[in-house]
PDB file of N, CA and C in Angstrom:
ATOM      1  N   MET A   1     -11.580   1.278  20.724  1.00  0.00           N
ATOM      2  CA  MET A   1     -10.221   1.317  20.236  1.00  0.00           C
ATOM      3  C   MET A   1     -10.184   2.030  18.899  1.00  0.00           C
ATOM      4  N   ARG A   2      -9.354   2.999  18.769  1.00  0.00           N
ATOM      5  CA  ARG A   2      -9.200   3.743  17.525  1.00  0.00           C
ATOM      6  C   ARG A   2      -8.092   3.116  16.703  1.00  0.00           C
ATOM      7  N   PHE A   3      -8.322   2.975  15.411  1.00  0.00           N
ATOM      8  CA  PHE A   3      -7.346   2.356  14.530  1.00  0.00           C
ATOM      9  C   PHE A   3      -6.802   3.429  13.596  1.00  0.00           C
ATOM     10  N   SER A   4      -5.495   3.586  13.560  1.00  0.00           N
ATOM     11  CA  SER A   4      -4.882   4.544  12.645  1.00  0.00           C
ATOM     12  C   SER A   4      -3.740   3.859  11.914  1.00  0.00           C
ATOM     13  N   TRP A   5      -3.474   4.303  10.696  1.00  0.00           N
ATOM     14  CA  TRP A   5      -2.418   3.687   9.898  1.00  0.00           C
ATOM     15  C   TRP A   5      -1.929   4.669   8.851  1.00  0.00           C
ATOM     16  N   THR A   6      -0.762   4.391   8.303  1.00  0.00           N
ATOM     17  CA  THR A   6      -0.220   5.177   7.208  1.00  0.00           C
ATOM     18  C   THR A   6       0.507   4.245   6.243  1.00  0.00           C
ATOM     19  N   PRO A   7       0.199   4.328   4.955  1.00  0.00           N
ATOM     20  CA  PRO A   7       0.875   3.481   3.976  1.00  0.00           C
ATOM     21  C   PRO A   7       1.974   4.243   3.246  1.00  0.00           C
ATOM     22  N   ASN A   8       2.880   3.514   2.625  1.00  0.00           N
ATOM     23  CA  ASN A   8       3.904   4.068   1.762  1.00  0.00           C
ATOM     24  C   ASN A   8       4.149   3.030   0.675  1.00  0.00           C
ATOM     25  N   ALA A   9       3.965   3.404  -0.593  1.00  0.00           N
ATOM     26  CA  ALA A   9       4.040   2.409  -1.655  1.00  0.00           C
ATOM     27  C   ALA A   9       4.752   2.934  -2.901  1.00  0.00           C
ATOM     28  N   PRO A  10       6.078   2.983  -2.895  1.00  0.00           N
ATOM     29  CA  PRO A  10       6.771   3.361  -4.134  1.00  0.00           C
ATOM     30  C   PRO A  10       6.733   2.229  -5.144  1.00  0.00           C
ATOM     31  N   ARG A  11       6.695   2.590  -6.421  1.00  0.00           N
ATOM     32  CA  ARG A  11       6.639   1.594  -7.490  1.00  0.00           C
ATOM     33  C   ARG A  11       7.473   2.095  -8.661  1.00  0.00           C
ATOM     34  N   SER A  12       8.191   1.201  -9.287  1.00  0.00           N
ATOM     35  CA  SER A  12       9.007   1.543 -10.442  1.00  0.00           C
ATOM     36  C   SER A  12       8.537   0.710 -11.620  1.00  0.00           C
ATOM     37  N   ALA A  13       7.915   1.349 -12.587  1.00  0.00           N
ATOM     38  CA  ALA A  13       7.440   0.644 -13.778  1.00  0.00           C
ATOM     39  C   ALA A  13       8.099   1.260 -15.002  1.00  0.00           C
ATOM     40  N   ARG A  14       8.731   0.452 -15.787  1.00  0.00           N
ATOM     41  CA  ARG A  14       9.388   0.919 -17.003  1.00  0.00           C
ATOM     42  C   ARG A  14       8.401   0.944 -18.151  1.00  0.00           C
ATOM     43  N   SER A  15       8.795   1.636 -19.200  1.00  0.00           N
ATOM     44  CA  SER A  15       8.032   1.542 -20.438  1.00  0.00           C
ATOM     45  C   SER A  15       8.205   0.134 -20.984  1.00  0.00           C
ATOM     46  N   PRO A  16       7.230  -0.362 -21.714  1.00  0.00           N
ATOM     47  CA  PRO A  16       7.361  -1.722 -22.247  1.00  0.00           C
ATOM     48  C   PRO A  16       8.564  -1.861 -23.180  1.00  0.00           C
ATOM     49  N   LEU A  17       9.214  -3.003 -23.110  1.00  0.00           N
ATOM     50  CA  LEU A  17      10.271  -3.350 -24.055  1.00  0.00           C
ATOM     51  C   LEU A  17       9.580  -3.963 -25.262  1.00  0.00           C
ATOM     52  N   ARG A  18       9.725  -3.363 -26.418  1.00  0.00           N
ATOM     53  CA  ARG A  18       9.023  -3.819 -27.612  1.00  0.00           C
ATOM     54  C   ARG A  18       9.893  -4.781 -28.415  1.00  0.00           C
ATOM     55  N   PHE A  19       9.242  -5.810 -28.967  1.00  0.00           N
ATOM     56  CA  PHE A  19       9.939  -6.822 -29.748  1.00  0.00           C
ATOM     57  C   PHE A  19       9.393  -6.823 -31.173  1.00  0.00           C
ATOM     58  N   THR A  20      10.276  -7.019 -32.124  1.00  0.00           N
ATOM     59  CA  THR A  20       9.835  -7.099 -33.522  1.00  0.00           C
ATOM     60  C   THR A  20       9.952  -8.504 -34.082  1.00  0.00           C
ATOM     61  N   ARG A  21      10.823  -9.336 -33.492  1.00  0.00           N
ATOM     62  CA  ARG A  21      11.023 -10.677 -34.036  1.00  0.00           C
ATOM     63  C   ARG A  21      11.146 -11.722 -32.932  1.00  0.00           C
ATOM     64  N   LEU A  22      10.177 -11.807 -32.065  1.00  0.00           N
ATOM     65  CA  LEU A  22      10.215 -12.800 -30.998  1.00  0.00           C
ATOM     66  C   LEU A  22       9.014 -13.732 -31.149  1.00  0.00           C
ATOM     67  N   GLY A  23       9.223 -14.859 -31.807  1.00  0.00           N
ATOM     68  CA  GLY A  23       8.158 -15.824 -32.008  1.00  0.00           C
ATOM     69  C   GLY A  23       8.020 -16.230 -33.456  1.00  0.00           C
ATOM     70  N   THR A  24       6.873 -16.801 -33.757  1.00  0.00           N
ATOM     71  CA  THR A  24       6.558 -17.245 -35.114  1.00  0.00           C
ATOM     72  C   THR A  24       5.340 -16.463 -35.596  1.00  0.00           C
ATOM     73  N   PRO A  25       5.000 -16.535 -36.882  1.00  0.00           N
ATOM     74  CA  PRO A  25       3.822 -15.789 -37.356  1.00  0.00           C
ATOM     75  C   PRO A  25       2.520 -16.157 -36.631  1.00  0.00           C
ATOM     76  N   GLY A  26       2.405 -17.384 -36.123  1.00  0.00           N
ATOM     77  CA  GLY A  26       1.187 -17.794 -35.428  1.00  0.00           C
ATOM     78  C   GLY A  26       1.192 -17.513 -33.935  1.00  0.00           C
ATOM     79  N   PHE A  27       2.372 -17.203 -33.372  1.00  0.00           N
ATOM     80  CA  PHE A  27       2.484 -16.963 -31.934  1.00  0.00           C
ATOM     81  C   PHE A  27       3.710 -16.094 -31.689  1.00  0.00           C
ATOM     82  N   TYR A  28       3.503 -14.841 -31.300  1.00  0.00           N
ATOM     83  CA  TYR A  28       4.641 -13.938 -31.102  1.00  0.00           C
ATOM     84  C   TYR A  28       4.401 -12.987 -29.932  1.00  0.00           C
ATOM     85  N   VAL A  29       5.494 -12.589 -29.302  1.00  0.00           N
ATOM     86  CA  VAL A  29       5.467 -11.655 -28.171  1.00  0.00           C
ATOM     87  C   VAL A  29       5.681 -10.253 -28.728  1.00  0.00           C
ATOM     88  N   THR A  30       4.807  -9.300 -28.352  1.00  0.00           N
ATOM     89  CA  THR A  30       4.939  -7.933 -28.857  1.00  0.00           C
ATOM     90  C   THR A  30       5.670  -7.020 -27.876  1.00  0.00           C
ATOM     91  N   TRP A  31       5.484  -7.219 -26.558  1.00  0.00           N
ATOM     92  CA  TRP A  31       6.208  -6.404 -25.578  1.00  0.00           C
ATOM     93  C   TRP A  31       6.259  -7.084 -24.225  1.00  0.00           C
ATOM     94  N   ALA A  32       7.193  -6.603 -23.402  1.00  0.00           N
ATOM     95  CA  ALA A  32       7.328  -7.054 -22.010  1.00  0.00           C
ATOM     96  C   ALA A  32       7.491  -5.805 -21.147  1.00  0.00           C
ATOM     97  N   ARG A  33       6.793  -5.764 -20.019  1.00  0.00           N
ATOM     98  CA  ARG A  33       6.876  -4.610 -19.113  1.00  0.00           C
ATOM     99  C   ARG A  33       7.248  -5.096 -17.709  1.00  0.00           C
ATOM    100  N   PRO A  34       8.493  -4.799 -17.268  1.00  0.00           N
ATOM    101  CA  PRO A  34       8.891  -5.170 -15.907  1.00  0.00           C
ATOM    102  C   PRO A  34       8.474  -4.091 -14.906  1.00  0.00           C
ATOM    103  N   ALA A  35       8.245  -4.491 -13.668  1.00  0.00           N
ATOM    104  CA  ALA A  35       7.901  -3.543 -12.601  1.00  0.00           C
ATOM    105  C   ALA A  35       8.452  -4.057 -11.270  1.00  0.00           C
ATOM    106  N   LEU A  36       8.924  -3.132 -10.440  1.00  0.00           N
ATOM    107  CA  LEU A  36       9.365  -3.430  -9.080  1.00  0.00           C
ATOM    108  C   LEU A  36       8.509  -2.627  -8.121  1.00  0.00           C
ATOM    109  N   PHE A  37       8.226  -3.175  -6.950  1.00  0.00           N
ATOM    110  CA  PHE A  37       7.412  -2.438  -5.985  1.00  0.00           C
ATOM    111  C   PHE A  37       7.847  -2.753  -4.565  1.00  0.00           C
ATOM    112  N   ALA A  38       7.537  -1.841  -3.684  1.00  0.00           N
ATOM    113  CA  ALA A  38       7.771  -2.025  -2.244  1.00  0.00           C
ATOM    114  C   ALA A  38       6.663  -1.276  -1.521  1.00  0.00           C
ATOM    115  N   THR A  39       6.172  -1.856  -0.446  1.00  0.00           N
ATOM    116  CA  THR A  39       5.096  -1.244   0.326  1.00  0.00           C
ATOM    117  C   THR A  39       5.422  -1.346   1.809  1.00  0.00           C
ATOM    118  N   GLY A  40       5.115  -0.297   2.540  1.00  0.00           N
ATOM    119  CA  GLY A  40       5.259  -0.315   3.986  1.00  0.00           C
ATOM    120  C   GLY A  40       3.999   0.233   4.623  1.00  0.00           C
ATOM    121  N   ILE A  41       3.638  -0.294   5.767  1.00  0.00           N
ATOM    122  CA  ILE A  41       2.461   0.202   6.477  1.00  0.00           C
ATOM    123  C   ILE A  41       2.729   0.101   7.980  1.00  0.00           C
ATOM    124  N   VAL A  42       2.303   1.133   8.692  1.00  0.00           N
ATOM    125  CA  VAL A  42       2.406   1.165  10.151  1.00  0.00           C
ATOM    126  C   VAL A  42       1.002   1.377  10.677  1.00  0.00           C
ATOM    127  N   THR A  43       0.592   0.548  11.631  1.00  0.00           N
ATOM    128  CA  THR A  43      -0.755   0.660  12.194  1.00  0.00           C
ATOM    129  C   THR A  43      -0.694   1.137  13.639  1.00  0.00           C
ATOM    130  N   ASN A  44      -1.815   1.636  14.140  1.00  0.00           N
ATOM    131  CA  ASN A  44      -1.962   2.111  15.519  1.00  0.00           C
ATOM    132  C   ASN A  44      -0.882   3.132  15.874  1.00  0.00           C
ATOM    133  N   LEU A  45      -0.830   4.196  15.111  1.00  0.00           N
ATOM    134  CA  LEU A  45       0.208   5.217  15.294  1.00  0.00           C
ATOM    135  C   LEU A  45       0.114   5.927  16.635  1.00  0.00           C
ATOM    136  N   ASP A  46      -1.092   6.050  17.166  1.00  0.00           N
ATOM    137  CA  ASP A  46      -1.252   6.781  18.420  1.00  0.00           C
ATOM    138  C   ASP A  46      -1.158   5.884  19.651  1.00  0.00           C
ATOM    139  N   ALA A  47      -0.942   4.593  19.467  1.00  0.00           N
ATOM    140  CA  ALA A  47      -0.785   3.665  20.594  1.00  0.00           C
ATOM    141  C   ALA A  47       0.609   3.048  20.513  1.00  0.00           C
ATOM    142  N   GLY A  48       1.300   2.977  21.624  1.00  0.00           N
ATOM    143  CA  GLY A  48       2.668   2.480  21.625  1.00  0.00           C
ATOM    144  C   GLY A  48       2.795   0.976  21.514  1.00  0.00           C
ATOM    145  N   ALA A  49       2.098   0.239  22.363  1.00  0.00           N
ATOM    146  CA  ALA A  49       2.311  -1.207  22.461  1.00  0.00           C
ATOM    147  C   ALA A  49       1.781  -2.005  21.270  1.00  0.00           C
ATOM    148  N   PRO A  50       0.544  -1.810  20.812  1.00  0.00           N
ATOM    149  CA  PRO A  50       0.058  -2.683  19.738  1.00  0.00           C
ATOM    150  C   PRO A  50       0.471  -2.229  18.339  1.00  0.00           C
ATOM    151  N   ARG A  51       1.395  -1.306  18.228  1.00  0.00           N
ATOM    152  CA  ARG A  51       1.816  -0.799  16.914  1.00  0.00           C
ATOM    153  C   ARG A  51       2.470  -1.921  16.108  1.00  0.00           C
ATOM    154  N   ARG A  52       2.123  -1.982  14.824  1.00  0.00           N
ATOM    155  CA  ARG A  52       2.699  -2.978  13.923  1.00  0.00           C
ATOM    156  C   ARG A  52       3.296  -2.280  12.718  1.00  0.00           C
ATOM    157  N   SER A  53       4.455  -2.744  12.288  1.00  0.00           N
ATOM    158  CA  SER A  53       5.110  -2.248  11.075  1.00  0.00           C
ATOM    159  C   SER A  53       5.311  -3.432  10.141  1.00  0.00           C
ATOM    160  N   LEU A  54       4.808  -3.305   8.930  1.00  0.00           N
ATOM    161  CA  LEU A  54       4.909  -4.369   7.944  1.00  0.00           C
ATOM    162  C   LEU A  54       5.453  -3.804   6.643  1.00  0.00           C
ATOM    163  N   ALA A  55       6.111  -4.651   5.862  1.00  0.00           N
ATOM    164  CA  ALA A  55       6.649  -4.230   4.571  1.00  0.00           C
ATOM    165  C   ALA A  55       6.606  -5.404   3.609  1.00  0.00           C
ATOM    166  N   ASP A  56       6.605  -5.080   2.326  1.00  0.00           N
ATOM    167  CA  ASP A  56       6.761  -6.119   1.317  1.00  0.00           C
ATOM    168  C   ASP A  56       7.525  -5.544   0.131  1.00  0.00           C
ATOM    169  N   ALA A  57       8.107  -6.432  -0.658  1.00  0.00           N
ATOM    170  CA  ALA A  57       8.851  -6.041  -1.848  1.00  0.00           C
ATOM    171  C   ALA A  57       8.690  -7.143  -2.877  1.00  0.00           C
ATOM    172  N   GLY A  58       8.682  -6.746  -4.132  1.00  0.00           N
ATOM    173  CA  GLY A  58       8.520  -7.756  -5.163  1.00  0.00           C
ATOM    174  C   GLY A  58       8.695  -7.197  -6.554  1.00  0.00           C
ATOM    175  N   GLY A  59       8.432  -8.039  -7.515  1.00  0.00           N
ATOM    176  CA  GLY A  59       8.545  -7.663  -8.916  1.00  0.00           C
ATOM    177  C   GLY A  59       7.504  -8.380  -9.746  1.00  0.00           C
ATOM    178  N   GLN A  60       7.283  -7.843 -10.934  1.00  0.00           N
ATOM    179  CA  GLN A  60       6.292  -8.412 -11.838  1.00  0.00           C
ATOM    180  C   GLN A  60       6.733  -8.157 -13.270  1.00  0.00           C
ATOM    181  N   VAL A  61       6.426  -9.091 -14.151  1.00  0.00           N
ATOM    182  CA  VAL A  61       6.676  -8.931 -15.584  1.00  0.00           C
ATOM    183  C   VAL A  61       5.381  -9.253 -16.304  1.00  0.00           C
ATOM    184  N   ASP A  62       4.962  -8.345 -17.184  1.00  0.00           N
ATOM    185  CA  ASP A  62       3.790  -8.552 -18.035  1.00  0.00           C
ATOM    186  C   ASP A  62       4.283  -8.795 -19.456  1.00  0.00           C
ATOM    187  N   LEU A  63       3.827  -9.864 -20.078  1.00  0.00           N
ATOM    188  CA  LEU A  63       4.177 -10.188 -21.461  1.00  0.00           C
ATOM    189  C   LEU A  63       2.917 -10.134 -22.316  1.00  0.00           C
ATOM    190  N   ARG A  64       2.924  -9.311 -23.346  1.00  0.00           N
ATOM    191  CA  ARG A  64       1.789  -9.259 -24.273  1.00  0.00           C
ATOM    192  C   ARG A  64       2.162 -10.106 -25.477  1.00  0.00           C
ATOM    193  N   PHE A  65       1.309 -11.055 -25.805  1.00  0.00           N
ATOM    194  CA  PHE A  65       1.580 -11.868 -26.976  1.00  0.00           C
ATOM    195  C   PHE A  65       0.311 -12.053 -27.791  1.00  0.00           C
ATOM    196  N   THR A  66       0.511 -12.405 -29.044  1.00  0.00           N
ATOM    197  CA  THR A  66      -0.591 -12.577 -29.979  1.00  0.00           C
ATOM    198  C   THR A  66      -0.533 -13.986 -30.536  1.00  0.00           C
ATOM    199  N   MET A  67      -1.702 -14.565 -30.636  1.00  0.00           N
ATOM    200  CA  MET A  67      -1.812 -15.930 -31.136  1.00  0.00           C
ATOM    201  C   MET A  67      -2.759 -15.943 -32.326  1.00  0.00           C
ATOM    202  N   LEU A  68      -2.335 -16.580 -33.399  1.00  0.00           N
ATOM    203  CA  LEU A  68      -3.140 -16.699 -34.621  1.00  0.00           C
ATOM    204  C   LEU A  68      -3.542 -15.340 -35.183  1.00  0.00           C
ATOM    205  N   SER A  69      -2.696 -14.345 -35.024  1.00  0.00           N
ATOM    206  CA  SER A  69      -2.836 -12.994 -35.588  1.00  0.00           C
ATOM    207  C   SER A  69      -4.041 -12.203 -35.089  1.00  0.00           C
ATOM    208  N   ARG A  70      -4.882 -12.745 -34.234  1.00  0.00           N
ATOM    209  CA  ARG A  70      -6.065 -12.018 -33.784  1.00  0.00           C
ATOM    210  C   ARG A  70      -6.273 -12.037 -32.279  1.00  0.00           C
ATOM    211  N   LEU A  71      -5.764 -13.026 -31.607  1.00  0.00           N
ATOM    212  CA  LEU A  71      -6.043 -13.215 -30.193  1.00  0.00           C
ATOM    213  C   LEU A  71      -4.904 -12.638 -29.347  1.00  0.00           C
ATOM    214  N   SER A  72      -5.111 -11.452 -28.766  1.00  0.00           N
ATOM    215  CA  SER A  72      -4.099 -10.838 -27.910  1.00  0.00           C
ATOM    216  C   SER A  72      -4.303 -11.294 -26.474  1.00  0.00           C
ATOM    217  N   MET A  73      -3.178 -11.569 -25.793  1.00  0.00           N
ATOM    218  CA  MET A  73      -3.213 -12.016 -24.406  1.00  0.00           C
ATOM    219  C   MET A  73      -2.094 -11.350 -23.637  1.00  0.00           C
ATOM    220  N   THR A  74      -2.292 -11.217 -22.329  1.00  0.00           N
ATOM    221  CA  THR A  74      -1.250 -10.701 -21.449  1.00  0.00           C
ATOM    222  C   THR A  74      -1.005 -11.731 -20.358  1.00  0.00           C
ATOM    223  N   LEU A  75       0.231 -12.194 -20.290  1.00  0.00           N
ATOM    224  CA  LEU A  75       0.648 -13.122 -19.248  1.00  0.00           C
ATOM    225  C   LEU A  75       1.422 -12.319 -18.215  1.00  0.00           C
ATOM    226  N   SER A  76       0.997 -12.378 -16.966  1.00  0.00           N
ATOM    227  CA  SER A  76       1.671 -11.672 -15.871  1.00  0.00           C
ATOM    228  C   SER A  76       2.227 -12.687 -14.887  1.00  0.00           C
ATOM    229  N   VAL A  77       3.489 -12.480 -14.513  1.00  0.00           N
ATOM    230  CA  VAL A  77       4.150 -13.324 -13.518  1.00  0.00           C
ATOM    231  C   VAL A  77       4.771 -12.391 -12.486  1.00  0.00           C
ATOM    232  N   GLY A  78       4.483 -12.635 -11.206  1.00  0.00           N
ATOM    233  CA  GLY A  78       5.012 -11.772 -10.159  1.00  0.00           C
ATOM    234  C   GLY A  78       5.393 -12.568  -8.918  1.00  0.00           C
ATOM    235  N   TYR A  79       6.261 -11.963  -8.111  1.00  0.00           N
ATOM    236  CA  TYR A  79       6.714 -12.589  -6.880  1.00  0.00           C
ATOM    237  C   TYR A  79       6.894 -11.490  -5.840  1.00  0.00           C
ATOM    238  N   ALA A  80       6.473 -11.752  -4.602  1.00  0.00           N
ATOM    239  CA  ALA A  80       6.619 -10.769  -3.525  1.00  0.00           C
ATOM    240  C   ALA A  80       6.929 -11.471  -2.212  1.00  0.00           C
ATOM    241  N   VAL A  81       7.600 -10.743  -1.325  1.00  0.00           N
ATOM    242  CA  VAL A  81       7.929 -11.233   0.013  1.00  0.00           C
ATOM    243  C   VAL A  81       7.441 -10.198   1.023  1.00  0.00           C
ATOM    244  N   ALA A  82       6.753 -10.647   2.078  1.00  0.00           N
ATOM    245  CA  ALA A  82       6.259  -9.764   3.141  1.00  0.00           C
ATOM    246  C   ALA A  82       7.122  -9.942   4.385  1.00  0.00           C
ATOM    247  N   PHE A  83       7.368  -8.817   5.072  1.00  0.00           N
ATOM    248  CA  PHE A  83       8.229  -8.808   6.253  1.00  0.00           C
ATOM    249  C   PHE A  83       7.497  -8.178   7.430  1.00  0.00           C
ATOM    250  N   GLU A  84       7.674  -8.759   8.608  1.00  0.00           N
ATOM    251  CA  GLU A  84       7.198  -8.166   9.848  1.00  0.00           C
ATOM    252  C   GLU A  84       8.172  -8.569  10.951  1.00  0.00           C
ATOM    253  N   LYS A  85       8.457  -7.622  11.830  1.00  0.00           N
ATOM    254  CA  LYS A  85       9.411  -7.869  12.908  1.00  0.00           C
ATOM    255  C   LYS A  85       8.948  -9.038  13.782  1.00  0.00           C
ATOM    256  N   HIS A  86       9.872  -9.910  14.138  1.00  0.00           N
ATOM    257  CA  HIS A  86       9.625 -11.073  15.000  1.00  0.00           C
ATOM    258  C   HIS A  86       8.679 -12.097  14.373  1.00  0.00           C
ATOM    259  N   ARG A  87       8.536 -12.068  13.069  1.00  0.00           N
ATOM    260  CA  ARG A  87       7.706 -13.059  12.372  1.00  0.00           C
ATOM    261  C   ARG A  87       8.482 -13.609  11.186  1.00  0.00           C
ATOM    262  N   ARG A  88       8.112 -14.778  10.786  1.00  0.00           N
ATOM    263  CA  ARG A  88       8.737 -15.393   9.626  1.00  0.00           C
ATOM    264  C   ARG A  88       8.310 -14.673   8.347  1.00  0.00           C
ATOM    265  N   ASP A  89       9.240 -14.467   7.411  1.00  0.00           N
ATOM    266  CA  ASP A  89       8.903 -13.860   6.131  1.00  0.00           C
ATOM    267  C   ASP A  89       7.950 -14.756   5.365  1.00  0.00           C
ATOM    268  N   ARG A  90       7.039 -14.124   4.632  1.00  0.00           N
ATOM    269  CA  ARG A  90       6.088 -14.875   3.817  1.00  0.00           C
ATOM    270  C   ARG A  90       6.254 -14.452   2.363  1.00  0.00           C
ATOM    271  N   ASP A  91       6.162 -15.409   1.450  1.00  0.00           N
ATOM    272  CA  ASP A  91       6.301 -15.066   0.041  1.00  0.00           C
ATOM    273  C   ASP A  91       5.126 -15.620  -0.756  1.00  0.00           C
ATOM    274  N   GLU A  92       4.972 -15.076  -1.961  1.00  0.00           N
ATOM    275  CA  GLU A  92       3.850 -15.478  -2.799  1.00  0.00           C
ATOM    276  C   GLU A  92       4.219 -15.303  -4.262  1.00  0.00           C
ATOM    277  N   LEU A  93       3.783 -16.248  -5.076  1.00  0.00           N
ATOM    278  CA  LEU A  93       3.973 -16.209  -6.516  1.00  0.00           C
ATOM    279  C   LEU A  93       2.612 -15.997  -7.164  1.00  0.00           C
ATOM    280  N   MET A  94       2.549 -15.151  -8.186  1.00  0.00           N
ATOM    281  CA  MET A  94       1.300 -14.854  -8.870  1.00  0.00           C
ATOM    282  C   MET A  94       1.504 -15.083 -10.363  1.00  0.00           C
ATOM    283  N   VAL A  95       0.569 -15.771 -10.987  1.00  0.00           N
ATOM    284  CA  VAL A  95       0.559 -15.959 -12.436  1.00  0.00           C
ATOM    285  C   VAL A  95      -0.864 -15.725 -12.897  1.00  0.00           C
ATOM    286  N   SER A  96      -1.020 -14.874 -13.915  1.00  0.00           N
ATOM    287  CA  SER A  96      -2.358 -14.651 -14.463  1.00  0.00           C
ATOM    288  C   SER A  96      -2.291 -14.507 -15.983  1.00  0.00           C
ATOM    289  N   LEU A  97      -3.374 -14.836 -16.621  1.00  0.00           N
ATOM    290  CA  LEU A  97      -3.479 -14.729 -18.069  1.00  0.00           C
ATOM    291  C   LEU A  97      -4.760 -13.973 -18.393  1.00  0.00           C
ATOM    292  N   LYS A  98      -4.604 -12.865 -19.098  1.00  0.00           N
ATOM    293  CA  LYS A  98      -5.773 -12.082 -19.501  1.00  0.00           C
ATOM    294  C   LYS A  98      -5.945 -12.195 -21.011  1.00  0.00           C
ATOM    295  N   VAL A  99      -7.102 -12.660 -21.438  1.00  0.00           N
ATOM    296  CA  VAL A  99      -7.407 -12.789 -22.855  1.00  0.00           C
ATOM    297  C   VAL A  99      -8.186 -11.551 -23.253  1.00  0.00           C
ATOM    298  N   LEU A 100      -7.674 -10.824 -24.231  1.00  0.00           N
ATOM    299  CA  LEU A 100      -8.297  -9.558 -24.640  1.00  0.00           C
ATOM    300  C   LEU A 100      -9.221  -9.754 -25.827  1.00  0.00           C
TER     301      LEU A 100
END
């Protein structure tokens, strides 16, 4: 069985929104970067019956903040929903913290 597929993944990412007065001297947010994305994929292009088409869409926000004037961190929060014909939609929430 030969497997073939084609992806499509547009993404919209803005420049970070910069903040000058969000927080206290010991804990402050320096910027926030929002992003939207959508992905589509079709598998088994050369076979009619087992062909599958899937898509997802979601968004993410990255927040860069500084703690105690030296410790930079990035908090990312994202949400996405996956779609497939004749199947229930699936969603997922993502939260991550990167200490730099």
